[in-house]
Amino acid sequence: MNNVYGYEVYKDVVIAWDEDRDTRIKTFIDELSENERFNLVMCNENKGDLTLWWTDQIPEKFQSKKSVVVEGDYWNIFNQFHWVGR
């Protein structure tokens, strides 16, 4: 993750803001299923690259995905992490 310019909790998910503070990250969170949102701990978007931190395991839907579409733009899933035993 590149430089972080602040954090915000939105719908129980921590957003790590980059320099341009692209609020479309909230649309990404809004479009997750309730279970996916529950399991997403933190996210960051930087120059079209998305980094996601999940509890226990990465949801199946995201295991094979390489990108997501947010408000008409493709964001690459750059990194995904999960915490074991949370």
PDB file of N, CA and C in Angstrom:
ATOM      1  N   MET A   1       0.854  -1.171   0.000  1.00  0.00           N
ATOM      2  CA  MET A   1       0.000   0.000   0.000  1.00  0.00           C
ATOM      3  C   MET A   1       0.900   1.234   0.000  1.00  0.00           C
ATOM      4  N   ASN A   2       0.568   2.183  -0.847  1.00  0.00           N
ATOM      5  CA  ASN A   2       1.341   3.419  -0.943  1.00  0.00           C
ATOM      6  C   ASN A   2       1.032   4.325   0.233  1.00  0.00           C
ATOM      7  N   ASN A   3       1.447   5.567   0.136  1.00  0.00           N
ATOM      8  CA  ASN A   3       1.207   6.524   1.218  1.00  0.00           C
ATOM      9  C   ASN A   3      -0.269   6.591   1.562  1.00  0.00           C
ATOM     10  N   VAL A   4      -0.547   6.649   2.836  1.00  0.00           N
ATOM     11  CA  VAL A   4      -1.921   6.756   3.328  1.00  0.00           C
ATOM     12  C   VAL A   4      -2.113   8.174   3.850  1.00  0.00           C
ATOM     13  N   TYR A   5      -3.219   8.788   3.441  1.00  0.00           N
ATOM     14  CA  TYR A   5      -3.511  10.168   3.811  1.00  0.00           C
ATOM     15  C   TYR A   5      -4.695  10.259   4.755  1.00  0.00           C
ATOM     16  N   GLY A   6      -4.940   9.205   5.491  1.00  0.00           N
ATOM     17  CA  GLY A   6      -6.011   9.197   6.469  1.00  0.00           C
ATOM     18  C   GLY A   6      -6.856   7.943   6.342  1.00  0.00           C
ATOM     19  N   TYR A   7      -7.670   7.742   7.355  1.00  0.00           N
ATOM     20  CA  TYR A   7      -8.536   6.570   7.416  1.00  0.00           C
ATOM     21  C   TYR A   7      -9.955   7.022   7.704  1.00  0.00           C
ATOM     22  N   GLU A   8     -10.902   6.210   7.278  1.00  0.00           N
ATOM     23  CA  GLU A   8     -12.307   6.447   7.572  1.00  0.00           C
ATOM     24  C   GLU A   8     -12.979   5.093   7.706  1.00  0.00           C
ATOM     25  N   VAL A   9     -13.906   4.976   8.638  1.00  0.00           N
ATOM     26  CA  VAL A   9     -14.708   3.764   8.741  1.00  0.00           C
ATOM     27  C   VAL A   9     -16.036   4.043   8.045  1.00  0.00           C
ATOM     28  N   TYR A  10     -16.354   3.191   7.075  1.00  0.00           N
ATOM     29  CA  TYR A  10     -17.590   3.319   6.310  1.00  0.00           C
ATOM     30  C   TYR A  10     -18.259   1.954   6.286  1.00  0.00           C
ATOM     31  N   LYS A  11     -19.446   1.876   6.848  1.00  0.00           N
ATOM     32  CA  LYS A  11     -20.206   0.614   6.920  1.00  0.00           C
ATOM     33  C   LYS A  11     -19.348  -0.503   7.510  1.00  0.00           C
ATOM     34  N   ASP A  12     -18.636  -0.179   8.582  1.00  0.00           N
ATOM     35  CA  ASP A  12     -17.780  -1.113   9.327  1.00  0.00           C
ATOM     36  C   ASP A  12     -16.559  -1.584   8.556  1.00  0.00           C
ATOM     37  N   VAL A  13     -16.193  -0.900   7.483  1.00  0.00           N
ATOM     38  CA  VAL A  13     -14.986  -1.211   6.714  1.00  0.00           C
ATOM     39  C   VAL A  13     -14.059  -0.003   6.802  1.00  0.00           C
ATOM     40  N   VAL A  14     -12.789  -0.258   7.102  1.00  0.00           N
ATOM     41  CA  VAL A  14     -11.812   0.829   7.147  1.00  0.00           C
ATOM     42  C   VAL A  14     -11.363   1.144   5.727  1.00  0.00           C
ATOM     43  N   ILE A  15     -11.440   2.408   5.361  1.00  0.00           N
ATOM     44  CA  ILE A  15     -10.910   2.878   4.082  1.00  0.00           C
ATOM     45  C   ILE A  15      -9.595   3.583   4.378  1.00  0.00           C
ATOM     46  N   ALA A  16      -8.526   3.143   3.718  1.00  0.00           N
ATOM     47  CA  ALA A  16      -7.233   3.816   3.806  1.00  0.00           C
ATOM     48  C   ALA A  16      -7.135   4.737   2.586  1.00  0.00           C
ATOM     49  N   TRP A  17      -7.249   6.026   2.814  1.00  0.00           N
ATOM     50  CA  TRP A  17      -7.298   6.993   1.716  1.00  0.00           C
ATOM     51  C   TRP A  17      -5.919   7.262   1.141  1.00  0.00           C
ATOM     52  N   ASP A  18      -5.856   7.395  -0.190  1.00  0.00           N
ATOM     53  CA  ASP A  18      -4.633   7.855  -0.833  1.00  0.00           C
ATOM     54  C   ASP A  18      -4.748   9.350  -1.106  1.00  0.00           C
ATOM     55  N   GLU A  19      -3.823   9.890  -1.891  1.00  0.00           N
ATOM     56  CA  GLU A  19      -3.774  11.341  -2.077  1.00  0.00           C
ATOM     57  C   GLU A  19      -4.986  11.921  -2.793  1.00  0.00           C
ATOM     58  N   ASP A  20      -5.638  11.153  -3.672  1.00  0.00           N
ATOM     59  CA  ASP A  20      -6.773  11.742  -4.394  1.00  0.00           C
ATOM     60  C   ASP A  20      -8.131  11.448  -3.758  1.00  0.00           C
ATOM     61  N   ARG A  21      -8.145  10.644  -2.715  1.00  0.00           N
ATOM     62  CA  ARG A  21      -9.368  10.374  -1.933  1.00  0.00           C
ATOM     63  C   ARG A  21     -10.569  10.076  -2.847  1.00  0.00           C
ATOM     64  N   ASP A  22     -10.427   9.038  -3.663  1.00  0.00           N
ATOM     65  CA  ASP A  22     -11.464   8.648  -4.618  1.00  0.00           C
ATOM     66  C   ASP A  22     -12.642   8.023  -3.870  1.00  0.00           C
ATOM     67  N   THR A  23     -13.719   8.773  -3.763  1.00  0.00           N
ATOM     68  CA  THR A  23     -14.867   8.329  -2.964  1.00  0.00           C
ATOM     69  C   THR A  23     -15.637   7.184  -3.608  1.00  0.00           C
ATOM     70  N   ARG A  24     -15.268   6.804  -4.841  1.00  0.00           N
ATOM     71  CA  ARG A  24     -15.919   5.642  -5.453  1.00  0.00           C
ATOM     72  C   ARG A  24     -15.630   4.354  -4.701  1.00  0.00           C
ATOM     73  N   ILE A  25     -14.635   4.368  -3.818  1.00  0.00           N
ATOM     74  CA  ILE A  25     -14.378   3.197  -2.985  1.00  0.00           C
ATOM     75  C   ILE A  25     -15.619   2.873  -2.144  1.00  0.00           C
ATOM     76  N   LYS A  26     -16.395   3.901  -1.807  1.00  0.00           N
ATOM     77  CA  LYS A  26     -17.639   3.671  -1.058  1.00  0.00           C
ATOM     78  C   LYS A  26     -18.665   2.958  -1.926  1.00  0.00           C
ATOM     79  N   THR A  27     -18.695   3.247  -3.217  1.00  0.00           N
ATOM     80  CA  THR A  27     -19.582   2.527  -4.133  1.00  0.00           C
ATOM     81  C   THR A  27     -19.186   1.058  -4.183  1.00  0.00           C
ATOM     82  N   PHE A  28     -17.891   0.791  -4.236  1.00  0.00           N
ATOM     83  CA  PHE A  28     -17.416  -0.593  -4.211  1.00  0.00           C
ATOM     84  C   PHE A  28     -17.934  -1.305  -2.961  1.00  0.00           C
ATOM     85  N   ILE A  29     -17.815  -0.664  -1.816  1.00  0.00           N
ATOM     86  CA  ILE A  29     -18.286  -1.253  -0.555  1.00  0.00           C
ATOM     87  C   ILE A  29     -19.795  -1.453  -0.603  1.00  0.00           C
ATOM     88  N   ASP A  30     -20.520  -0.452  -1.086  1.00  0.00           N
ATOM     89  CA  ASP A  30     -21.986  -0.544  -1.173  1.00  0.00           C
ATOM     90  C   ASP A  30     -22.439  -1.715  -2.036  1.00  0.00           C
ATOM     91  N   GLU A  31     -21.678  -2.045  -3.070  1.00  0.00           N
ATOM     92  CA  GLU A  31     -22.075  -3.088  -4.011  1.00  0.00           C
ATOM     93  C   GLU A  31     -21.709  -4.496  -3.549  1.00  0.00           C
ATOM     94  N   LEU A  32     -21.000  -4.613  -2.433  1.00  0.00           N
ATOM     95  CA  LEU A  32     -20.693  -5.934  -1.888  1.00  0.00           C
ATOM     96  C   LEU A  32     -21.936  -6.541  -1.259  1.00  0.00           C
ATOM     97  N   SER A  33     -22.002  -7.858  -1.251  1.00  0.00           N
ATOM     98  CA  SER A  33     -23.085  -8.511  -0.518  1.00  0.00           C
ATOM     99  C   SER A  33     -22.871  -8.255   0.979  1.00  0.00           C
ATOM    100  N   GLU A  34     -23.899  -8.471   1.761  1.00  0.00           N
ATOM    101  CA  GLU A  34     -23.786  -8.259   3.208  1.00  0.00           C
ATOM    102  C   GLU A  34     -22.676  -9.125   3.799  1.00  0.00           C
ATOM    103  N   ASN A  35     -22.584 -10.377   3.363  1.00  0.00           N
ATOM    104  CA  ASN A  35     -21.562 -11.277   3.881  1.00  0.00           C
ATOM    105  C   ASN A  35     -20.159 -10.827   3.461  1.00  0.00           C
ATOM    106  N   GLU A  36     -20.014 -10.400   2.207  1.00  0.00           N
ATOM    107  CA  GLU A  36     -18.710  -9.911   1.753  1.00  0.00           C
ATOM    108  C   GLU A  36     -18.298  -8.677   2.537  1.00  0.00           C
ATOM    109  N   ARG A  37     -19.238  -7.761   2.734  1.00  0.00           N
ATOM    110  CA  ARG A  37     -18.934  -6.539   3.484  1.00  0.00           C
ATOM    111  C   ARG A  37     -18.567  -6.871   4.927  1.00  0.00           C
ATOM    112  N   PHE A  38     -19.246  -7.838   5.516  1.00  0.00           N
ATOM    113  CA  PHE A  38     -18.947  -8.248   6.887  1.00  0.00           C
ATOM    114  C   PHE A  38     -17.519  -8.773   6.988  1.00  0.00           C
ATOM    115  N   ASN A  39     -17.043  -9.446   5.939  1.00  0.00           N
ATOM    116  CA  ASN A  39     -15.715 -10.054   5.957  1.00  0.00           C
ATOM    117  C   ASN A  39     -14.600  -9.140   5.453  1.00  0.00           C
ATOM    118  N   LEU A  40     -14.953  -7.991   4.915  1.00  0.00           N
ATOM    119  CA  LEU A  40     -13.942  -7.037   4.463  1.00  0.00           C
ATOM    120  C   LEU A  40     -13.560  -6.137   5.639  1.00  0.00           C
ATOM    121  N   VAL A  41     -12.291  -6.143   5.974  1.00  0.00           N
ATOM    122  CA  VAL A  41     -11.803  -5.366   7.122  1.00  0.00           C
ATOM    123  C   VAL A  41     -11.358  -3.979   6.680  1.00  0.00           C
ATOM    124  N   MET A  42     -10.569  -3.938   5.595  1.00  0.00           N
ATOM    125  CA  MET A  42     -10.005  -2.666   5.156  1.00  0.00           C
ATOM    126  C   MET A  42      -9.792  -2.718   3.653  1.00  0.00           C
ATOM    127  N   CYS A  43      -9.848  -1.553   3.002  1.00  0.00           N
ATOM    128  CA  CYS A  43      -9.589  -1.473   1.564  1.00  0.00           C
ATOM    129  C   CYS A  43      -8.884  -0.160   1.243  1.00  0.00           C
ATOM    130  N   ASN A  44      -8.213  -0.173   0.095  1.00  0.00           N
ATOM    131  CA  ASN A  44      -7.485   0.997  -0.383  1.00  0.00           C
ATOM    132  C   ASN A  44      -7.492   0.972  -1.903  1.00  0.00           C
ATOM    133  N   GLU A  45      -7.755   2.111  -2.513  1.00  0.00           N
ATOM    134  CA  GLU A  45      -7.636   2.270  -3.959  1.00  0.00           C
ATOM    135  C   GLU A  45      -6.550   3.292  -4.226  1.00  0.00           C
ATOM    136  N   ASN A  46      -5.631   2.944  -5.132  1.00  0.00           N
ATOM    137  CA  ASN A  46      -4.564   3.862  -5.498  1.00  0.00           C
ATOM    138  C   ASN A  46      -4.279   3.704  -6.977  1.00  0.00           C
ATOM    139  N   LYS A  47      -4.572   4.754  -7.746  1.00  0.00           N
ATOM    140  CA  LYS A  47      -4.323   4.775  -9.192  1.00  0.00           C
ATOM    141  C   LYS A  47      -4.931   3.565  -9.898  1.00  0.00           C
ATOM    142  N   GLY A  48      -6.158   3.228  -9.505  1.00  0.00           N
ATOM    143  CA  GLY A  48      -6.870   2.136 -10.153  1.00  0.00           C
ATOM    144  C   GLY A  48      -6.517   0.747  -9.648  1.00  0.00           C
ATOM    145  N   ASP A  49      -5.653   0.668  -8.637  1.00  0.00           N
ATOM    146  CA  ASP A  49      -5.313  -0.613  -8.022  1.00  0.00           C
ATOM    147  C   ASP A  49      -6.003  -0.716  -6.669  1.00  0.00           C
ATOM    148  N   LEU A  50      -6.632  -1.849  -6.429  1.00  0.00           N
ATOM    149  CA  LEU A  50      -7.407  -2.075  -5.215  1.00  0.00           C
ATOM    150  C   LEU A  50      -6.683  -3.079  -4.336  1.00  0.00           C
ATOM    151  N   THR A  51      -6.527  -2.754  -3.058  1.00  0.00           N
ATOM    152  CA  THR A  51      -5.970  -3.673  -2.072  1.00  0.00           C
ATOM    153  C   THR A  51      -7.049  -3.953  -1.047  1.00  0.00           C
ATOM    154  N   LEU A  52      -7.252  -5.236  -0.754  1.00  0.00           N
ATOM    155  CA  LEU A  52      -8.335  -5.660   0.131  1.00  0.00           C
ATOM    156  C   LEU A  52      -7.788  -6.525   1.256  1.00  0.00           C
ATOM    157  N   TRP A  53      -8.266  -6.291   2.478  1.00  0.00           N
ATOM    158  CA  TRP A  53      -7.920  -7.095   3.637  1.00  0.00           C
ATOM    159  C   TRP A  53      -9.200  -7.762   4.140  1.00  0.00           C
ATOM    160  N   TRP A  54      -9.193  -9.066   4.216  1.00  0.00           N
ATOM    161  CA  TRP A  54     -10.370  -9.842   4.601  1.00  0.00           C
ATOM    162  C   TRP A  54     -10.140 -10.542   5.938  1.00  0.00           C
ATOM    163  N   THR A  55     -11.234 -10.899   6.616  1.00  0.00           N
ATOM    164  CA  THR A  55     -11.131 -11.787   7.769  1.00  0.00           C
ATOM    165  C   THR A  55     -10.903 -13.193   7.242  1.00  0.00           C
ATOM    166  N   ASP A  56     -10.657 -14.108   8.104  1.00  0.00           N
ATOM    167  CA  ASP A  56     -10.417 -15.535   7.860  1.00  0.00           C
ATOM    168  C   ASP A  56     -10.028 -15.961   6.449  1.00  0.00           C
ATOM    169  N   GLN A  57     -10.855 -15.701   5.434  1.00  0.00           N
ATOM    170  CA  GLN A  57     -10.498 -16.125   4.079  1.00  0.00           C
ATOM    171  C   GLN A  57     -11.049 -15.158   3.039  1.00  0.00           C
ATOM    172  N   ILE A  58     -10.436 -15.192   1.872  1.00  0.00           N
ATOM    173  CA  ILE A  58     -10.898 -14.357   0.763  1.00  0.00           C
ATOM    174  C   ILE A  58     -12.160 -14.998   0.204  1.00  0.00           C
ATOM    175  N   PRO A  59     -13.253 -14.228   0.069  1.00  0.00           N
ATOM    176  CA  PRO A  59     -14.478 -14.807  -0.475  1.00  0.00           C
ATOM    177  C   PRO A  59     -14.242 -15.436  -1.852  1.00  0.00           C
ATOM    178  N   GLU A  60     -14.918 -16.538  -2.101  1.00  0.00           N
ATOM    179  CA  GLU A  60     -14.726 -17.294  -3.335  1.00  0.00           C
ATOM    180  C   GLU A  60     -14.839 -16.415  -4.583  1.00  0.00           C
ATOM    181  N   LYS A  61     -15.819 -15.518  -4.581  1.00  0.00           N
ATOM    182  CA  LYS A  61     -16.044 -14.628  -5.724  1.00  0.00           C
ATOM    183  C   LYS A  61     -14.795 -13.813  -6.073  1.00  0.00           C
ATOM    184  N   PHE A  62     -13.984 -13.484  -5.066  1.00  0.00           N
ATOM    185  CA  PHE A  62     -12.814 -12.638  -5.288  1.00  0.00           C
ATOM    186  C   PHE A  62     -11.533 -13.442  -5.483  1.00  0.00           C
ATOM    187  N   GLN A  63     -11.570 -14.742  -5.260  1.00  0.00           N
ATOM    188  CA  GLN A  63     -10.355 -15.542  -5.379  1.00  0.00           C
ATOM    189  C   GLN A  63      -9.834 -15.595  -6.808  1.00  0.00           C
ATOM    190  N   SER A  64     -10.728 -15.602  -7.773  1.00  0.00           N
ATOM    191  CA  SER A  64     -10.283 -15.694  -9.169  1.00  0.00           C
ATOM    192  C   SER A  64     -10.411 -14.378  -9.921  1.00  0.00           C
ATOM    193  N   LYS A  65     -10.975 -13.354  -9.279  1.00  0.00           N
ATOM    194  CA  LYS A  65     -11.147 -12.063  -9.955  1.00  0.00           C
ATOM    195  C   LYS A  65      -9.825 -11.315 -10.052  1.00  0.00           C
ATOM    196  N   LYS A  66      -9.640 -10.682 -11.173  1.00  0.00           N
ATOM    197  CA  LYS A  66      -8.456  -9.850 -11.391  1.00  0.00           C
ATOM    198  C   LYS A  66      -8.797  -8.365 -11.377  1.00  0.00           C
ATOM    199  N   SER A  67     -10.101  -8.063 -11.537  1.00  0.00           N
ATOM    200  CA  SER A  67     -10.523  -6.665 -11.525  1.00  0.00           C
ATOM    201  C   SER A  67     -11.997  -6.582 -11.156  1.00  0.00           C
ATOM    202  N   VAL A  68     -12.425  -5.368 -10.815  1.00  0.00           N
ATOM    203  CA  VAL A  68     -13.829  -5.068 -10.547  1.00  0.00           C
ATOM    204  C   VAL A  68     -14.183  -3.800 -11.309  1.00  0.00           C
ATOM    205  N   VAL A  69     -15.458  -3.640 -11.613  1.00  0.00           N
ATOM    206  CA  VAL A  69     -15.924  -2.427 -12.280  1.00  0.00           C
ATOM    207  C   VAL A  69     -16.623  -1.569 -11.234  1.00  0.00           C
ATOM    208  N   VAL A  70     -16.163  -0.339 -11.098  1.00  0.00           N
ATOM    209  CA  VAL A  70     -16.745   0.609 -10.145  1.00  0.00           C
ATOM    210  C   VAL A  70     -17.107   1.873 -10.914  1.00  0.00           C
ATOM    211  N   GLU A  71     -18.396   2.142 -10.984  1.00  0.00           N
ATOM    212  CA  GLU A  71     -18.902   3.313 -11.704  1.00  0.00           C
ATOM    213  C   GLU A  71     -18.302   3.425 -13.107  1.00  0.00           C
ATOM    214  N   GLY A  72     -18.235   2.285 -13.800  1.00  0.00           N
ATOM    215  CA  GLY A  72     -17.782   2.276 -15.185  1.00  0.00           C
ATOM    216  C   GLY A  72     -16.283   2.167 -15.395  1.00  0.00           C
ATOM    217  N   ASP A  73     -15.489   2.225 -14.339  1.00  0.00           N
ATOM    218  CA  ASP A  73     -14.036   2.094 -14.454  1.00  0.00           C
ATOM    219  C   ASP A  73     -13.589   0.737 -13.932  1.00  0.00           C
ATOM    220  N   TYR A  74     -12.593   0.157 -14.587  1.00  0.00           N
ATOM    221  CA  TYR A  74     -12.007  -1.095 -14.108  1.00  0.00           C
ATOM    222  C   TYR A  74     -10.913  -0.787 -13.093  1.00  0.00           C
ATOM    223  N   TRP A  75     -11.018  -1.428 -11.941  1.00  0.00           N
ATOM    224  CA  TRP A  75      -9.968  -1.342 -10.931  1.00  0.00           C
ATOM    225  C   TRP A  75      -9.334  -2.718 -10.822  1.00  0.00           C
ATOM    226  N   ASN A  76      -8.016  -2.777 -10.911  1.00  0.00           N
ATOM    227  CA  ASN A  76      -7.290  -4.031 -10.757  1.00  0.00           C
ATOM    228  C   ASN A  76      -7.268  -4.430  -9.287  1.00  0.00           C
ATOM    229  N   ILE A  77      -7.489  -5.704  -9.033  1.00  0.00           N
ATOM    230  CA  ILE A  77      -7.294  -6.198  -7.665  1.00  0.00           C
ATOM    231  C   ILE A  77      -5.800  -6.476  -7.549  1.00  0.00           C
ATOM    232  N   PHE A  78      -5.114  -5.550  -6.921  1.00  0.00           N
ATOM    233  CA  PHE A  78      -3.656  -5.548  -6.858  1.00  0.00           C
ATOM    234  C   PHE A  78      -3.153  -6.518  -5.804  1.00  0.00           C
ATOM    235  N   ASN A  79      -3.740  -6.469  -4.607  1.00  0.00           N
ATOM    236  CA  ASN A  79      -3.358  -7.332  -3.493  1.00  0.00           C
ATOM    237  C   ASN A  79      -4.581  -7.681  -2.680  1.00  0.00           C
ATOM    238  N   GLN A  80      -4.566  -8.883  -2.113  1.00  0.00           N
ATOM    239  CA  GLN A  80      -5.595  -9.300  -1.158  1.00  0.00           C
ATOM    240  C   GLN A  80      -4.896 -10.041  -0.021  1.00  0.00           C
ATOM    241  N   PHE A  81      -5.330  -9.781   1.181  1.00  0.00           N
ATOM    242  CA  PHE A  81      -4.774 -10.408   2.361  1.00  0.00           C
ATOM    243  C   PHE A  81      -5.918 -10.924   3.217  1.00  0.00           C
ATOM    244  N   HIS A  82      -5.622 -11.913   4.037  1.00  0.00           N
ATOM    245  CA  HIS A  82      -6.618 -12.349   5.015  1.00  0.00           C
ATOM    246  C   HIS A  82      -5.913 -12.651   6.327  1.00  0.00           C
ATOM    247  N   TRP A  83      -6.642 -12.409   7.400  1.00  0.00           N
ATOM    248  CA  TRP A  83      -6.153 -12.706   8.736  1.00  0.00           C
ATOM    249  C   TRP A  83      -6.625 -14.089   9.127  1.00  0.00           C
ATOM    250  N   VAL A  84      -5.730 -14.895   9.626  1.00  0.00           N
ATOM    251  CA  VAL A  84      -6.081 -16.243  10.055  1.00  0.00           C
ATOM    252  C   VAL A  84      -6.421 -16.193  11.542  1.00  0.00           C
ATOM    253  N   GLY A  85      -7.555 -16.796  11.897  1.00  0.00           N
ATOM    254  CA  GLY A  85      -7.911 -16.921  13.299  1.00  0.00           C
ATOM    255  C   GLY A  85      -8.467 -15.682  13.954  1.00  0.00           C
ATOM    256  N   ARG A  86      -9.009 -14.793  13.161  1.00  0.00           N
ATOM    257  CA  ARG A  86      -9.595 -13.589  13.760  1.00  0.00           C
ATOM    258  C   ARG A  86     -10.892 -13.917  14.435  1.00  0.00           C
TER     259      ARG A  86
END
